[in-house]
Protein backbone atom coordinates (compact mmCIF):
# COMPACT_ATOMS: atom_id res chain seq x y z
CA MET A 1 87.29 83.15 -92.26
CA ILE A 2 86.67 79.58 -90.98
CA TYR A 3 84.15 79.41 -88.18
CA HIS A 4 84.16 76.11 -86.13
CA ARG A 5 80.47 75.98 -84.87
CA LYS A 6 81.59 72.66 -82.92
CA TRP A 7 81.63 73.16 -79.28
CA PHE A 8 85.12 72.13 -78.03
CA PRO A 9 85.61 71.42 -74.18
CA PHE A 10 87.73 74.06 -72.85
CA ASP A 11 90.86 72.10 -71.76
CA SER A 12 94.74 71.94 -72.43
CA LYS A 13 94.47 68.70 -74.53
CA THR A 14 91.50 69.89 -76.51
CA VAL A 15 93.39 73.25 -77.38
CA GLN A 16 96.59 71.63 -78.24
CA GLU A 17 94.91 68.95 -80.48
CA GLU A 18 92.07 71.14 -82.31
CA VAL A 19 93.17 74.78 -82.44
CA PRO A 20 95.52 75.76 -85.20
CA ALA A 21 98.51 78.02 -84.44
CA THR A 22 97.18 81.29 -86.49
CA SER A 23 95.33 84.40 -85.63
CA GLY A 24 91.55 84.58 -85.07
CA VAL A 25 88.89 85.16 -82.71
CA TYR A 26 87.62 82.86 -79.87
CA ILE A 27 84.27 82.55 -77.91
CA LEU A 28 84.54 81.11 -74.52
CA PHE A 29 81.39 79.73 -73.08
CA SER A 30 80.09 79.32 -69.48
CA ARG A 31 77.13 76.64 -69.34
CA GLN A 32 76.25 77.46 -72.92
CA GLU A 33 76.09 81.00 -72.24
CA CYS A 34 78.80 83.46 -74.05
CA ALA A 35 81.23 84.48 -71.27
CA TYR A 36 83.87 86.36 -73.52
CA ILE A 37 84.74 86.80 -76.95
CA GLY A 38 88.75 87.65 -77.73
CA ALA A 39 91.03 88.10 -80.64
CA SER A 40 94.43 86.53 -80.91
CA LYS A 41 97.58 86.75 -83.09
CA GLU A 42 98.18 83.06 -81.96
CA LEU A 43 94.94 81.28 -81.08
CA LYS A 44 96.70 77.86 -79.83
CA ALA A 45 99.12 79.82 -77.68
CA ASP A 46 96.78 82.48 -76.04
CA LEU A 47 93.76 79.69 -75.56
CA GLY A 48 96.67 77.39 -73.89
CA ARG A 49 97.65 80.13 -71.37
CA LEU A 50 93.90 81.00 -70.85
CA VAL A 51 93.01 77.43 -70.17
CA GLN A 52 95.99 77.35 -67.54
CA GLY A 53 94.63 79.97 -65.63
CA ILE A 54 92.62 82.90 -65.95
CA GLU A 55 93.37 86.42 -64.54
CA ASN A 56 90.01 87.88 -65.10
CA SER A 57 87.59 88.18 -62.26
CA CYS A 58 84.21 88.06 -64.35
CA LEU A 59 85.70 84.89 -66.02
CA ASN A 60 86.53 83.45 -62.73
CA GLU A 61 83.10 83.84 -61.83
CA HIS A 62 81.80 82.48 -65.12
CA MET A 63 84.25 79.76 -65.45
CA PRO A 64 84.57 78.69 -69.26
CA ASP A 65 83.78 75.07 -69.78
CA GLU A 66 83.53 75.01 -73.64
CA PHE A 67 84.78 77.32 -76.61
CA GLN A 68 84.63 77.94 -80.26
CA PHE A 69 86.96 79.63 -82.67
CA GLU A 70 87.39 81.24 -85.97
CA VAL A 71 90.60 81.71 -88.15
CA ALA A 72 90.71 85.29 -89.16
CA LEU A 73 93.83 87.21 -90.31
CA GLY A 74 94.94 90.71 -89.74
CA ASP A 75 92.70 93.25 -89.23
CA ASP A 76 89.73 90.80 -89.88
CA ARG A 77 90.00 89.37 -86.56
CA ASN A 78 89.09 92.70 -84.71
CA THR A 79 86.58 93.39 -86.87
CA ARG A 80 84.92 89.73 -86.54
CA ARG A 81 85.50 90.12 -82.77
CA GLU A 82 83.40 93.22 -82.60
CA GLU A 83 80.77 91.71 -84.95
CA LEU A 84 80.42 88.59 -82.65
CA ILE A 85 80.16 90.77 -79.40
CA GLY A 86 77.36 92.75 -81.10
CA GLU A 87 75.62 89.32 -81.96
CA LEU A 88 76.39 87.32 -78.73
CA ASN A 89 76.76 89.95 -76.06
CA PRO A 90 78.99 88.15 -73.82
CA ILE A 91 78.72 88.44 -69.94
CA CYS A 92 82.57 89.67 -69.60
CA ARG A 93 83.96 92.46 -71.45
CA ASP A 94 87.70 94.22 -71.43
């Protein structure tokens, strides 16, 4: 797994330029507080959709402004998501 500890601004340009088109997990932050942790088969596409409009009342209240991601393949992404949820205790849950 590759964990990008760099904090990226949560915007369309950054997602398109920095995020690979592979599977993994992502962490959305709102004012440097962990807002949500997700797993995706296609990081670039899913983060691109999220940055265009979030259909989650909790995330609308805690609007993400930064993100981090890890590349994780197959079942590793769901396992890693659960680990990160335990470590970071996000504000918003599924």
